[in-house]
Structure formats: C-alpha cells, structure tokens
Amino acid sequence: RFLDRLPETERLALLRARRYLLTNQRILTVAKLPGHLITATSSYLLSY
C-alpha cells in the first residue's frame, strides 16, 4: 500500500529483491511437487 511513497530507485531495488526471494521459493516449491499432481492430495497446497 505504501510502496509508492519510496523513491523510484528504492522501489525498484525492493521489487527486484522480492522477485529474487520469490523465484527461489518457486524453485523449492517445484522441487517438492510429485510427478502426478492430480492424484496426490498432498500436492494441492503446493500447486496452489
């Protein structure tokens, strides 16, 4: 909500840093997914 209150350079740096964080989280999430998503109930949360 308040991200636009920061100078553009700070905003850009924060967005880049958050993107790096989320990209790593995505890689870890993909690594946990089983081969057959539909048949694995435990994977519903991961796919979500």
ModelCIF file with pLDDT and N, C-alpha, C, O atoms, coordinates in Angstrom:
data_MODEL
#
_entry.id   MODEL 
#
_entity.id                         1 
_entity.type                       polymer 
_entity.pdbx_number_of_molecules   1 
#
_entity_poly.entity_id                      1 
_entity_poly.type                           'polypeptide(L)' 
_entity_poly.nstd_linkage                   no 
_entity_poly.nstd_monomer                   no 
_entity_poly.pdbx_seq_one_letter_code       RFLDRLPETERLALLRARRYLLTNQRILTVAKLPGHLITATSSYLLSY 
_entity_poly.pdbx_seq_one_letter_code_can   RFLDRLPETERLALLRARRYLLTNQRILTVAKLPGHLITATSSYLLSY 
_entity_poly.pdbx_strand_id                 A 
#
loop_
_entity_poly_seq.entity_id 
_entity_poly_seq.num 
_entity_poly_seq.mon_id 
_entity_poly_seq.hetero 
1 1  ARG n 
1 2  PHE n 
1 3  LEU n 
1 4  ASP n 
1 5  ARG n 
1 6  LEU n 
1 7  PRO n 
1 8  GLU n 
1 9  THR n 
1 10 GLU n 
1 11 ARG n 
1 12 LEU n 
1 13 ALA n 
1 14 LEU n 
1 15 LEU n 
1 16 ARG n 
1 17 ALA n 
1 18 ARG n 
1 19 ARG n 
1 20 TYR n 
1 21 LEU n 
1 22 LEU n 
1 23 THR n 
1 24 ASN n 
1 25 GLN n 
1 26 ARG n 
1 27 ILE n 
1 28 LEU n 
1 29 THR n 
1 30 VAL n 
1 31 ALA n 
1 32 LYS n 
1 33 LEU n 
1 34 PRO n 
1 35 GLY n 
1 36 HIS n 
1 37 LEU n 
1 38 ILE n 
1 39 THR n 
1 40 ALA n 
1 41 THR n 
1 42 SER n 
1 43 SER n 
1 44 TYR n 
1 45 LEU n 
1 46 LEU n 
1 47 SER n 
1 48 TYR n 
#
_struct_asym.id          A 
_struct_asym.entity_id   1 
#
loop_
_ma_qa_metric.id 
_ma_qa_metric.mode 
_ma_qa_metric.name 
_ma_qa_metric.software_group_id 
_ma_qa_metric.type 
1 global pLDDT . pLDDT 
2 local  pLDDT . pLDDT 
#
_ma_qa_metric_global.metric_id      1 
_ma_qa_metric_global.metric_value   83.79 
_ma_qa_metric_global.model_id       1 
_ma_qa_metric_global.ordinal_id     1 
#
loop_
_ma_qa_metric_local.label_asym_id 
_ma_qa_metric_local.label_comp_id 
_ma_qa_metric_local.label_seq_id 
_ma_qa_metric_local.metric_id 
_ma_qa_metric_local.metric_value 
_ma_qa_metric_local.model_id 
_ma_qa_metric_local.ordinal_id 
A ARG 1  2 90.00 1 1  
A PHE 2  2 93.00 1 2  
A LEU 3  2 94.00 1 3  
A ASP 4  2 93.00 1 4  
A ARG 5  2 94.00 1 5  
A LEU 6  2 94.00 1 6  
A PRO 7  2 92.00 1 7  
A GLU 8  2 93.00 1 8  
A THR 9  2 92.00 1 9  
A GLU 10 2 93.00 1 10 
A ARG 11 2 94.00 1 11 
A LEU 12 2 95.00 1 12 
A ALA 13 2 94.00 1 13 
A LEU 14 2 94.00 1 14 
A LEU 15 2 95.00 1 15 
A ARG 16 2 95.00 1 16 
A ALA 17 2 95.00 1 17 
A ARG 18 2 94.00 1 18 
A ARG 19 2 95.00 1 19 
A TYR 20 2 95.00 1 20 
A LEU 21 2 93.00 1 21 
A LEU 22 2 94.00 1 22 
A THR 23 2 94.00 1 23 
A ASN 24 2 93.00 1 24 
A GLN 25 2 91.00 1 25 
A ARG 26 2 92.00 1 26 
A ILE 27 2 92.00 1 27 
A LEU 28 2 89.00 1 28 
A THR 29 2 86.00 1 29 
A VAL 30 2 86.00 1 30 
A ALA 31 2 86.00 1 31 
A LYS 32 2 81.00 1 32 
A LEU 33 2 76.00 1 33 
A PRO 34 2 69.00 1 34 
A GLY 35 2 62.00 1 35 
A HIS 36 2 53.00 1 36 
A LEU 37 2 51.00 1 37 
A ILE 38 2 49.00 1 38 
A THR 39 2 49.00 1 39 
A ALA 40 2 55.00 1 40 
A THR 41 2 56.00 1 41 
A SER 42 2 61.00 1 42 
A SER 43 2 75.00 1 43 
A TYR 44 2 80.00 1 44 
A LEU 45 2 82.00 1 45 
A LEU 46 2 84.00 1 46 
A SER 47 2 83.00 1 47 
A TYR 48 2 86.00 1 48 
#
loop_
_atom_site.group_PDB 
_atom_site.id 
_atom_site.type_symbol 
_atom_site.label_atom_id 
_atom_site.label_alt_id 
_atom_site.label_comp_id 
_atom_site.label_asym_id 
_atom_site.label_entity_id 
_atom_site.label_seq_id 
_atom_site.pdbx_PDB_ins_code 
_atom_site.Cartn_x 
_atom_site.Cartn_y 
_atom_site.Cartn_z 
_atom_site.occupancy 
_atom_site.B_iso_or_equiv 
_atom_site.pdbx_formal_charge 
_atom_site.auth_seq_id 
_atom_site.auth_comp_id 
_atom_site.auth_asym_id 
_atom_site.auth_atom_id 
_atom_site.pdbx_PDB_model_num 
ATOM 1   N N  . ARG A 1 1  ? 0.822  -1.212  0.000   1.00 90.00 ? 1  ARG A N  1 
ATOM 2   C CA . ARG A 1 1  ? 0.000  0.000   0.000   1.00 90.00 ? 1  ARG A CA 1 
ATOM 3   C C  . ARG A 1 1  ? 0.857  1.263   0.000   1.00 90.00 ? 1  ARG A C  1 
ATOM 4   O O  . ARG A 1 1  ? 0.477  2.279   -0.582  1.00 90.00 ? 1  ARG A O  1 
ATOM 5   N N  . PHE A 1 2  ? 2.022  1.192   0.661   1.00 93.00 ? 2  PHE A N  1 
ATOM 6   C CA . PHE A 1 2  ? 2.862  2.372   0.800   1.00 93.00 ? 2  PHE A CA 1 
ATOM 7   C C  . PHE A 1 2  ? 4.130  2.300   -0.044  1.00 93.00 ? 2  PHE A C  1 
ATOM 8   O O  . PHE A 1 2  ? 5.013  3.144   0.108   1.00 93.00 ? 2  PHE A O  1 
ATOM 9   N N  . LEU A 1 3  ? 4.237  1.327   -0.915  1.00 94.00 ? 3  LEU A N  1 
ATOM 10  C CA . LEU A 1 3  ? 5.452  1.179   -1.707  1.00 94.00 ? 3  LEU A CA 1 
ATOM 11  C C  . LEU A 1 3  ? 5.721  2.398   -2.567  1.00 94.00 ? 3  LEU A C  1 
ATOM 12  O O  . LEU A 1 3  ? 6.878  2.758   -2.785  1.00 94.00 ? 3  LEU A O  1 
ATOM 13  N N  . ASP A 1 4  ? 4.665  3.042   -3.060  1.00 93.00 ? 4  ASP A N  1 
ATOM 14  C CA . ASP A 1 4  ? 4.860  4.206   -3.928  1.00 93.00 ? 4  ASP A CA 1 
ATOM 15  C C  . ASP A 1 4  ? 5.307  5.447   -3.166  1.00 93.00 ? 4  ASP A C  1 
ATOM 16  O O  . ASP A 1 4  ? 5.570  6.481   -3.781  1.00 93.00 ? 4  ASP A O  1 
ATOM 17  N N  . ARG A 1 5  ? 5.400  5.365   -1.833  1.00 94.00 ? 5  ARG A N  1 
ATOM 18  C CA . ARG A 1 5  ? 5.897  6.501   -1.042  1.00 94.00 ? 5  ARG A CA 1 
ATOM 19  C C  . ARG A 1 5  ? 7.425  6.568   -1.063  1.00 94.00 ? 5  ARG A C  1 
ATOM 20  O O  . ARG A 1 5  ? 8.010  7.579   -0.676  1.00 94.00 ? 5  ARG A O  1 
ATOM 21  N N  . LEU A 1 6  ? 8.064  5.498   -1.511  1.00 94.00 ? 6  LEU A N  1 
ATOM 22  C CA . LEU A 1 6  ? 9.521  5.469   -1.578  1.00 94.00 ? 6  LEU A CA 1 
ATOM 23  C C  . LEU A 1 6  ? 9.999  6.054   -2.906  1.00 94.00 ? 6  LEU A C  1 
ATOM 24  O O  . LEU A 1 6  ? 9.251  6.049   -3.884  1.00 94.00 ? 6  LEU A O  1 
ATOM 25  N N  . PRO A 1 7  ? 11.228 6.555   -2.956  1.00 92.00 ? 7  PRO A N  1 
ATOM 26  C CA . PRO A 1 7  ? 11.798 6.993   -4.235  1.00 92.00 ? 7  PRO A CA 1 
ATOM 27  C C  . PRO A 1 7  ? 11.845 5.827   -5.227  1.00 92.00 ? 7  PRO A C  1 
ATOM 28  O O  . PRO A 1 7  ? 11.900 4.664   -4.825  1.00 92.00 ? 7  PRO A O  1 
ATOM 29  N N  . GLU A 1 8  ? 11.823 6.138   -6.494  1.00 93.00 ? 8  GLU A N  1 
ATOM 30  C CA . GLU A 1 8  ? 11.761 5.100   -7.524  1.00 93.00 ? 8  GLU A CA 1 
ATOM 31  C C  . GLU A 1 8  ? 12.922 4.116   -7.429  1.00 93.00 ? 8  GLU A C  1 
ATOM 32  O O  . GLU A 1 8  ? 12.742 2.914   -7.628  1.00 93.00 ? 8  GLU A O  1 
ATOM 33  N N  . THR A 1 9  ? 14.103 4.622   -7.127  1.00 92.00 ? 9  THR A N  1 
ATOM 34  C CA . THR A 1 9  ? 15.265 3.724   -7.045  1.00 92.00 ? 9  THR A CA 1 
ATOM 35  C C  . THR A 1 9  ? 15.098 2.710   -5.917  1.00 92.00 ? 9  THR A C  1 
ATOM 36  O O  . THR A 1 9  ? 15.454 1.542   -6.072  1.00 92.00 ? 9  THR A O  1 
ATOM 37  N N  . GLU A 1 10 ? 14.553 3.156   -4.776  1.00 93.00 ? 10 GLU A N  1 
ATOM 38  C CA . GLU A 1 10 ? 14.315 2.242   -3.651  1.00 93.00 ? 10 GLU A CA 1 
ATOM 39  C C  . GLU A 1 10 ? 13.207 1.261   -3.986  1.00 93.00 ? 10 GLU A C  1 
ATOM 40  O O  . GLU A 1 10 ? 13.297 0.078   -3.659  1.00 93.00 ? 10 GLU A O  1 
ATOM 41  N N  . ARG A 1 11 ? 12.171 1.749   -4.633  1.00 94.00 ? 11 ARG A N  1 
ATOM 42  C CA . ARG A 1 11 ? 11.076 0.862   -5.051  1.00 94.00 ? 11 ARG A CA 1 
ATOM 43  C C  . ARG A 1 11 ? 11.585 -0.243  -5.959  1.00 94.00 ? 11 ARG A C  1 
ATOM 44  O O  . ARG A 1 11 ? 11.267 -1.417  -5.771  1.00 94.00 ? 11 ARG A O  1 
ATOM 45  N N  . LEU A 1 12 ? 12.378 0.148   -6.945  1.00 95.00 ? 12 LEU A N  1 
ATOM 46  C CA . LEU A 1 12 ? 12.896 -0.811  -7.909  1.00 95.00 ? 12 LEU A CA 1 
ATOM 47  C C  . LEU A 1 12 ? 13.794 -1.840  -7.224  1.00 95.00 ? 12 LEU A C  1 
ATOM 48  O O  . LEU A 1 12 ? 13.722 -3.034  -7.517  1.00 95.00 ? 12 LEU A O  1 
ATOM 49  N N  . ALA A 1 13 ? 14.639 -1.366  -6.311  1.00 94.00 ? 13 ALA A N  1 
ATOM 50  C CA . ALA A 1 13 ? 15.526 -2.286  -5.598  1.00 94.00 ? 13 ALA A CA 1 
ATOM 51  C C  . ALA A 1 13 ? 14.738 -3.284  -4.755  1.00 94.00 ? 13 ALA A C  1 
ATOM 52  O O  . ALA A 1 13 ? 15.079 -4.466  -4.707  1.00 94.00 ? 13 ALA A O  1 
ATOM 53  N N  . LEU A 1 14 ? 13.681 -2.808  -4.087  1.00 94.00 ? 14 LEU A N  1 
ATOM 54  C CA . LEU A 1 14 ? 12.858 -3.701  -3.262  1.00 94.00 ? 14 LEU A CA 1 
ATOM 55  C C  . LEU A 1 14 ? 12.116 -4.726  -4.120  1.00 94.00 ? 14 LEU A C  1 
ATOM 56  O O  . LEU A 1 14 ? 12.046 -5.903  -3.767  1.00 94.00 ? 14 LEU A O  1 
ATOM 57  N N  . LEU A 1 15 ? 11.566 -4.277  -5.239  1.00 95.00 ? 15 LEU A N  1 
ATOM 58  C CA . LEU A 1 15 ? 10.854 -5.199  -6.127  1.00 95.00 ? 15 LEU A CA 1 
ATOM 59  C C  . LEU A 1 15 ? 11.796 -6.259  -6.683  1.00 95.00 ? 15 LEU A C  1 
ATOM 60  O O  . LEU A 1 15 ? 11.428 -7.430  -6.786  1.00 95.00 ? 15 LEU A O  1 
ATOM 61  N N  . ARG A 1 16 ? 12.995 -5.856  -7.036  1.00 95.00 ? 16 ARG A N  1 
ATOM 62  C CA . ARG A 1 16 ? 13.985 -6.817  -7.543  1.00 95.00 ? 16 ARG A CA 1 
ATOM 63  C C  . ARG A 1 16 ? 14.360 -7.825  -6.456  1.00 95.00 ? 16 ARG A C  1 
ATOM 64  O O  . ARG A 1 16 ? 14.471 -9.023  -6.716  1.00 95.00 ? 16 ARG A O  1 
ATOM 65  N N  . ALA A 1 17 ? 14.554 -7.319  -5.232  1.00 95.00 ? 17 ALA A N  1 
ATOM 66  C CA . ALA A 1 17 ? 14.923 -8.210  -4.137  1.00 95.00 ? 17 ALA A CA 1 
ATOM 67  C C  . ALA A 1 17 ? 13.789 -9.178  -3.813  1.00 95.00 ? 17 ALA A C  1 
ATOM 68  O O  . ALA A 1 17 ? 14.030 -10.358 -3.554  1.00 95.00 ? 17 ALA A O  1 
ATOM 69  N N  . ARG A 1 18 ? 12.544 -8.676  -3.828  1.00 94.00 ? 18 ARG A N  1 
ATOM 70  C CA . ARG A 1 18 ? 11.407 -9.573  -3.562  1.00 94.00 ? 18 ARG A CA 1 
ATOM 71  C C  . ARG A 1 18 ? 11.268 -10.592 -4.693  1.00 94.00 ? 18 ARG A C  1 
ATOM 72  O O  . ARG A 1 18 ? 10.911 -11.744 -4.445  1.00 94.00 ? 18 ARG A O  1 
ATOM 73  N N  . ARG A 1 19 ? 11.542 -10.185 -5.910  1.00 95.00 ? 19 ARG A N  1 
ATOM 74  C CA . ARG A 1 19 ? 11.448 -11.112 -7.029  1.00 95.00 ? 19 ARG A CA 1 
ATOM 75  C C  . ARG A 1 19 ? 12.468 -12.244 -6.892  1.00 95.00 ? 19 ARG A C  1 
ATOM 76  O O  . ARG A 1 19 ? 12.166 -13.403 -7.178  1.00 95.00 ? 19 ARG A O  1 
ATOM 77  N N  . TYR A 1 20 ? 13.665 -11.896 -6.456  1.00 95.00 ? 20 TYR A N  1 
ATOM 78  C CA . TYR A 1 20 ? 14.708 -12.903 -6.229  1.00 95.00 ? 20 TYR A CA 1 
ATOM 79  C C  . TYR A 1 20 ? 14.264 -13.883 -5.146  1.00 95.00 ? 20 TYR A C  1 
ATOM 80  O O  . TYR A 1 20 ? 14.450 -15.092 -5.279  1.00 95.00 ? 20 TYR A O  1 
ATOM 81  N N  . LEU A 1 21 ? 13.677 -13.353 -4.075  1.00 93.00 ? 21 LEU A N  1 
ATOM 82  C CA . LEU A 1 21 ? 13.182 -14.196 -2.985  1.00 93.00 ? 21 LEU A CA 1 
ATOM 83  C C  . LEU A 1 21 ? 12.093 -15.144 -3.468  1.00 93.00 ? 21 LEU A C  1 
ATOM 84  O O  . LEU A 1 21 ? 12.123 -16.337 -3.167  1.00 93.00 ? 21 LEU A O  1 
ATOM 85  N N  . LEU A 1 22 ? 11.127 -14.610 -4.223  1.00 94.00 ? 22 LEU A N  1 
ATOM 86  C CA . LEU A 1 22 ? 10.015 -15.430 -4.701  1.00 94.00 ? 22 LEU A CA 1 
ATOM 87  C C  . LEU A 1 22 ? 10.468 -16.447 -5.735  1.00 94.00 ? 22 LEU A C  1 
ATOM 88  O O  . LEU A 1 22 ? 9.938  -17.557 -5.787  1.00 94.00 ? 22 LEU A O  1 
ATOM 89  N N  . THR A 1 23 ? 11.451 -16.077 -6.565  1.00 94.00 ? 23 THR A N  1 
ATOM 90  C CA . THR A 1 23 ? 11.975 -17.017 -7.553  1.00 94.00 ? 23 THR A CA 1 
ATOM 91  C C  . THR A 1 23 ? 12.588 -18.230 -6.859  1.00 94.00 ? 23 THR A C  1 
ATOM 92  O O  . THR A 1 23 ? 12.382 -19.363 -7.295  1.00 94.00 ? 23 THR A O  1 
ATOM 93  N N  . ASN A 1 24 ? 13.337 -18.001 -5.785  1.00 93.00 ? 24 ASN A N  1 
ATOM 94  C CA . ASN A 1 24 ? 13.906 -19.112 -5.018  1.00 93.00 ? 24 ASN A CA 1 
ATOM 95  C C  . ASN A 1 24 ? 12.817 -19.956 -4.366  1.00 93.00 ? 24 ASN A C  1 
ATOM 96  O O  . ASN A 1 24 ? 12.912 -21.183 -4.327  1.00 93.00 ? 24 ASN A O  1 
ATOM 97  N N  . GLN A 1 25 ? 11.776 -19.290 -3.852  1.00 91.00 ? 25 GLN A N  1 
ATOM 98  C CA . GLN A 1 25 ? 10.655 -20.027 -3.264  1.00 91.00 ? 25 GLN A CA 1 
ATOM 99  C C  . GLN A 1 25 ? 9.958  -20.892 -4.315  1.00 91.00 ? 25 GLN A C  1 
ATOM 100 O O  . GLN A 1 25 ? 9.526  -22.009 -4.028  1.00 91.00 ? 25 GLN A O  1 
ATOM 101 N N  . ARG A 1 26 ? 9.857  -20.366 -5.526  1.00 92.00 ? 26 ARG A N  1 
ATOM 102 C CA . ARG A 1 26 ? 9.218  -21.129 -6.601  1.00 92.00 ? 26 ARG A CA 1 
ATOM 103 C C  . ARG A 1 26 ? 10.028 -22.371 -6.961  1.00 92.00 ? 26 ARG A C  1 
ATOM 104 O O  . ARG A 1 26 ? 9.466  -23.446 -7.169  1.00 92.00 ? 26 ARG A O  1 
ATOM 105 N N  . ILE A 1 27 ? 11.339 -22.221 -7.032  1.00 92.00 ? 27 ILE A N  1 
ATOM 106 C CA . ILE A 1 27 ? 12.207 -23.361 -7.345  1.00 92.00 ? 27 ILE A CA 1 
ATOM 107 C C  . ILE A 1 27 ? 12.053 -24.451 -6.282  1.00 92.00 ? 27 ILE A C  1 
ATOM 108 O O  . ILE A 1 27 ? 11.969 -25.635 -6.606  1.00 92.00 ? 27 ILE A O  1 
ATOM 109 N N  . LEU A 1 28 ? 12.016 -24.041 -5.012  1.00 89.00 ? 28 LEU A N  1 
ATOM 110 C CA . LEU A 1 28 ? 11.848 -25.009 -3.928  1.00 89.00 ? 28 LEU A CA 1 
ATOM 111 C C  . LEU A 1 28 ? 10.478 -25.671 -3.970  1.00 89.00 ? 28 LEU A C  1 
ATOM 112 O O  . LEU A 1 28 ? 10.352 -26.862 -3.684  1.00 89.00 ? 28 LEU A O  1 
ATOM 113 N N  . THR A 1 29 ? 9.449  -24.901 -4.327  1.00 86.00 ? 29 THR A N  1 
ATOM 114 C CA . THR A 1 29 ? 8.091  -25.450 -4.413  1.00 86.00 ? 29 THR A CA 1 
ATOM 115 C C  . THR A 1 29 ? 7.991  -26.476 -5.530  1.00 86.00 ? 29 THR A C  1 
ATOM 116 O O  . THR A 1 29 ? 7.401  -27.542 -5.352  1.00 86.00 ? 29 THR A O  1 
ATOM 117 N N  . VAL A 1 30 ? 8.571  -26.152 -6.685  1.00 86.00 ? 30 VAL A N  1 
ATOM 118 C CA . VAL A 1 30 ? 8.559  -27.072 -7.821  1.00 86.00 ? 30 VAL A CA 1 
ATOM 119 C C  . VAL A 1 30 ? 9.282  -28.364 -7.464  1.00 86.00 ? 30 VAL A C  1 
ATOM 120 O O  . VAL A 1 30 ? 8.855  -29.447 -7.865  1.00 86.00 ? 30 VAL A O  1 
ATOM 121 N N  . ALA A 1 31 ? 10.360 -28.259 -6.722  1.00 86.00 ? 31 ALA A N  1 
ATOM 122 C CA . ALA A 1 31 ? 11.134 -29.451 -6.343  1.00 86.00 ? 31 ALA A CA 1 
ATOM 123 C C  . ALA A 1 31 ? 10.334 -30.393 -5.444  1.00 86.00 ? 31 ALA A C  1 
ATOM 124 O O  . ALA A 1 31 ? 10.600 -31.594 -5.405  1.00 86.00 ? 31 ALA A O  1 
ATOM 125 N N  . LYS A 1 32 ? 9.354  -29.847 -4.722  1.00 81.00 ? 32 LYS A N  1 
ATOM 126 C CA . LYS A 1 32 ? 8.559  -30.670 -3.804  1.00 81.00 ? 32 LYS A CA 1 
ATOM 127 C C  . LYS A 1 32 ? 7.369  -31.333 -4.493  1.00 81.00 ? 32 LYS A C  1 
ATOM 128 O O  . LYS A 1 32 ? 6.768  -32.255 -3.942  1.00 81.00 ? 32 LYS A O  1 
ATOM 129 N N  . LEU A 1 33 ? 7.029  -30.872 -5.688  1.00 76.00 ? 33 LEU A N  1 
ATOM 130 C CA . LEU A 1 33 ? 5.846  -31.396 -6.366  1.00 76.00 ? 33 LEU A CA 1 
ATOM 131 C C  . LEU A 1 33 ? 6.090  -32.820 -6.854  1.00 76.00 ? 33 LEU A C  1 
ATOM 132 O O  . LEU A 1 33 ? 7.141  -33.100 -7.430  1.00 76.00 ? 33 LEU A O  1 
ATOM 133 N N  . PRO A 1 34 ? 5.127  -33.732 -6.632  1.00 69.00 ? 34 PRO A N  1 
ATOM 134 C CA . PRO A 1 34 ? 5.261  -35.099 -7.171  1.00 69.00 ? 34 PRO A CA 1 
ATOM 135 C C  . PRO A 1 34 ? 5.019  -35.115 -8.666  1.00 69.00 ? 34 PRO A C  1 
ATOM 136 O O  . PRO A 1 34 ? 4.640  -34.104 -9.258  1.00 69.00 ? 34 PRO A O  1 
ATOM 137 N N  . GLY A 1 35 ? 5.235  -36.246 -9.259  1.00 62.00 ? 35 GLY A N  1 
ATOM 138 C CA . GLY A 1 35 ? 5.097  -36.356 -10.703 1.00 62.00 ? 35 GLY A CA 1 
ATOM 139 C C  . GLY A 1 35 ? 3.680  -36.217 -11.199 1.00 62.00 ? 35 GLY A C  1 
ATOM 140 O O  . GLY A 1 35 ? 3.459  -35.712 -12.300 1.00 62.00 ? 35 GLY A O  1 
ATOM 141 N N  . HIS A 1 36 ? 2.704  -36.658 -10.407 1.00 53.00 ? 36 HIS A N  1 
ATOM 142 C CA . HIS A 1 36 ? 1.295  -36.632 -10.848 1.00 53.00 ? 36 HIS A CA 1 
ATOM 143 C C  . HIS A 1 36 ? 0.506  -35.764 -9.871  1.00 53.00 ? 36 HIS A C  1 
ATOM 144 O O  . HIS A 1 36 ? 0.099  -36.233 -8.808  1.00 53.00 ? 36 HIS A O  1 
ATOM 145 N N  . LEU A 1 37 ? 0.295  -34.510 -10.228 1.00 51.00 ? 37 LEU A N  1 
ATOM 146 C CA . LEU A 1 37 ? -0.343 -33.562 -9.330  1.00 51.00 ? 37 LEU A CA 1 
ATOM 147 C C  . LEU A 1 37 ? -1.776 -33.948 -8.979  1.00 51.00 ? 37 LEU A C  1 
ATOM 148 O O  . LEU A 1 37 ? -2.193 -33.814 -7.829  1.00 51.00 ? 37 LEU A O  1 
ATOM 149 N N  . ILE A 1 38 ? -2.522 -34.422 -9.955  1.00 49.00 ? 38 ILE A N  1 
ATOM 150 C CA . ILE A 1 38 ? -3.947 -34.659 -9.749  1.00 49.00 ? 38 ILE A CA 1 
ATOM 151 C C  . ILE A 1 38 ? -4.190 -35.809 -8.774  1.00 49.00 ? 38 ILE A C  1 
ATOM 152 O O  . ILE A 1 38 ? -5.179 -35.797 -8.043  1.00 49.00 ? 38 ILE A O  1 
ATOM 153 N N  . THR A 1 39 ? -3.317 -36.782 -8.756  1.00 49.00 ? 39 THR A N  1 
ATOM 154 C CA . THR A 1 39 ? -3.545 -37.949 -7.912  1.00 49.00 ? 39 THR A CA 1 
ATOM 155 C C  . THR A 1 39 ? -2.952 -37.790 -6.519  1.00 49.00 ? 39 THR A C  1 
ATOM 156 O O  . THR A 1 39 ? -3.170 -38.649 -5.665  1.00 49.00 ? 39 THR A O  1 
ATOM 157 N N  . ALA A 1 40 ? -2.218 -36.731 -6.267  1.00 55.00 ? 40 ALA A N  1 
ATOM 158 C CA . ALA A 1 40 ? -1.568 -36.557 -4.968  1.00 55.00 ? 40 ALA A CA 1 
ATOM 159 C C  . ALA A 1 40 ? -2.269 -35.443 -4.200  1.00 55.00 ? 40 ALA A C  1 
ATOM 160 O O  . ALA A 1 40 ? -2.101 -34.264 -4.513  1.00 55.00 ? 40 ALA A O  1 
ATOM 161 N N  . THR A 1 41 ? -3.058 -35.823 -3.188  1.00 56.00 ? 41 THR A N  1 
ATOM 162 C CA . THR A 1 41 ? -3.786 -34.832 -2.414  1.00 56.00 ? 41 THR A CA 1 
ATOM 163 C C  . THR A 1 41 ? -2.836 -33.865 -1.725  1.00 56.00 ? 41 THR A C  1 
ATOM 164 O O  . THR A 1 41 ? -3.138 -32.677 -1.609  1.00 56.00 ? 41 THR A O  1 
ATOM 165 N N  . SER A 1 42 ? -1.712 -34.353 -1.274  1.00 61.00 ? 42 SER A N  1 
ATOM 166 C CA . SER A 1 42 ? -0.761 -33.511 -0.556  1.00 61.00 ? 42 SER A CA 1 
ATOM 167 C C  . SER A 1 42 ? -0.163 -32.430 -1.444  1.00 61.00 ? 42 SER A C  1 
ATOM 168 O O  . SER A 1 42 ? 0.422  -31.472 -0.938  1.00 61.00 ? 42 SER A O  1 
ATOM 169 N N  . SER A 1 43 ? -0.298 -32.565 -2.748  1.00 75.00 ? 43 SER A N  1 
ATOM 170 C CA . SER A 1 43 ? 0.300  -31.582 -3.657  1.00 75.00 ? 43 SER A CA 1 
ATOM 171 C C  . SER A 1 43 ? -0.643 -30.430 -3.969  1.00 75.00 ? 43 SER A C  1 
ATOM 172 O O  . SER A 1 43 ? -0.230 -29.461 -4.606  1.00 75.00 ? 43 SER A O  1 
ATOM 173 N N  . TYR A 1 44 ? -1.912 -30.509 -3.535  1.00 80.00 ? 44 TYR A N  1 
ATOM 174 C CA . TYR A 1 44 ? -2.850 -29.442 -3.845  1.00 80.00 ? 44 TYR A CA 1 
ATOM 175 C C  . TYR A 1 44 ? -2.362 -28.108 -3.297  1.00 80.00 ? 44 TYR A C  1 
ATOM 176 O O  . TYR A 1 44 ? -2.398 -27.092 -3.990  1.00 80.00 ? 44 TYR A O  1 
ATOM 177 N N  . LEU A 1 45 ? -1.909 -28.120 -2.059  1.00 82.00 ? 45 LEU A N  1 
ATOM 178 C CA . LEU A 1 45 ? -1.423 -26.891 -1.449  1.00 82.00 ? 45 LEU A CA 1 
ATOM 179 C C  . LEU A 1 45 ? -0.188 -26.366 -2.175  1.00 82.00 ? 45 LEU A C  1 
ATOM 180 O O  . LEU A 1 45 ? -0.036 -25.158 -2.358  1.00 82.00 ? 45 LEU A O  1 
ATOM 181 N N  . LEU A 1 46 ? 0.692  -27.277 -2.588  1.00 84.00 ? 46 LEU A N  1 
ATOM 182 C CA . LEU A 1 46 ? 1.901  -26.864 -3.299  1.00 84.00 ? 46 LEU A CA 1 
ATOM 183 C C  . LEU A 1 46 ? 1.558  -26.252 -4.654  1.00 84.00 ? 46 LEU A C  1 
ATOM 184 O O  . LEU A 1 46 ? 2.129  -25.232 -5.040  1.00 84.00 ? 46 LEU A O  1 
ATOM 185 N N  . SER A 1 47 ? 0.624  -26.875 -5.379  1.00 83.00 ? 47 SER A N  1 
ATOM 186 C CA . SER A 1 47 ? 0.254  -26.336 -6.688  1.00 83.00 ? 47 SER A CA 1 
ATOM 187 C C  . SER A 1 47 ? -0.467 -24.990 -6.534  1.00 83.00 ? 47 SER A C  1 
ATOM 188 O O  . SER A 1 47 ? -0.319 -24.096 -7.366  1.00 83.00 ? 47 SER A O  1 
ATOM 189 N N  . TYR A 1 48 ? -1.240 -24.867 -5.468  1.00 86.00 ? 48 TYR A N  1 
ATOM 190 C CA . TYR A 1 48 ? -1.899 -23.584 -5.178  1.00 86.00 ? 48 TYR A CA 1 
ATOM 191 C C  . TYR A 1 48 ? -0.863 -22.513 -4.891  1.00 86.00 ? 48 TYR A C  1 
ATOM 192 O O  . TYR A 1 48 ? -1.219 -21.365 -4.625  1.00 86.00 ? 48 TYR A O  1 
#
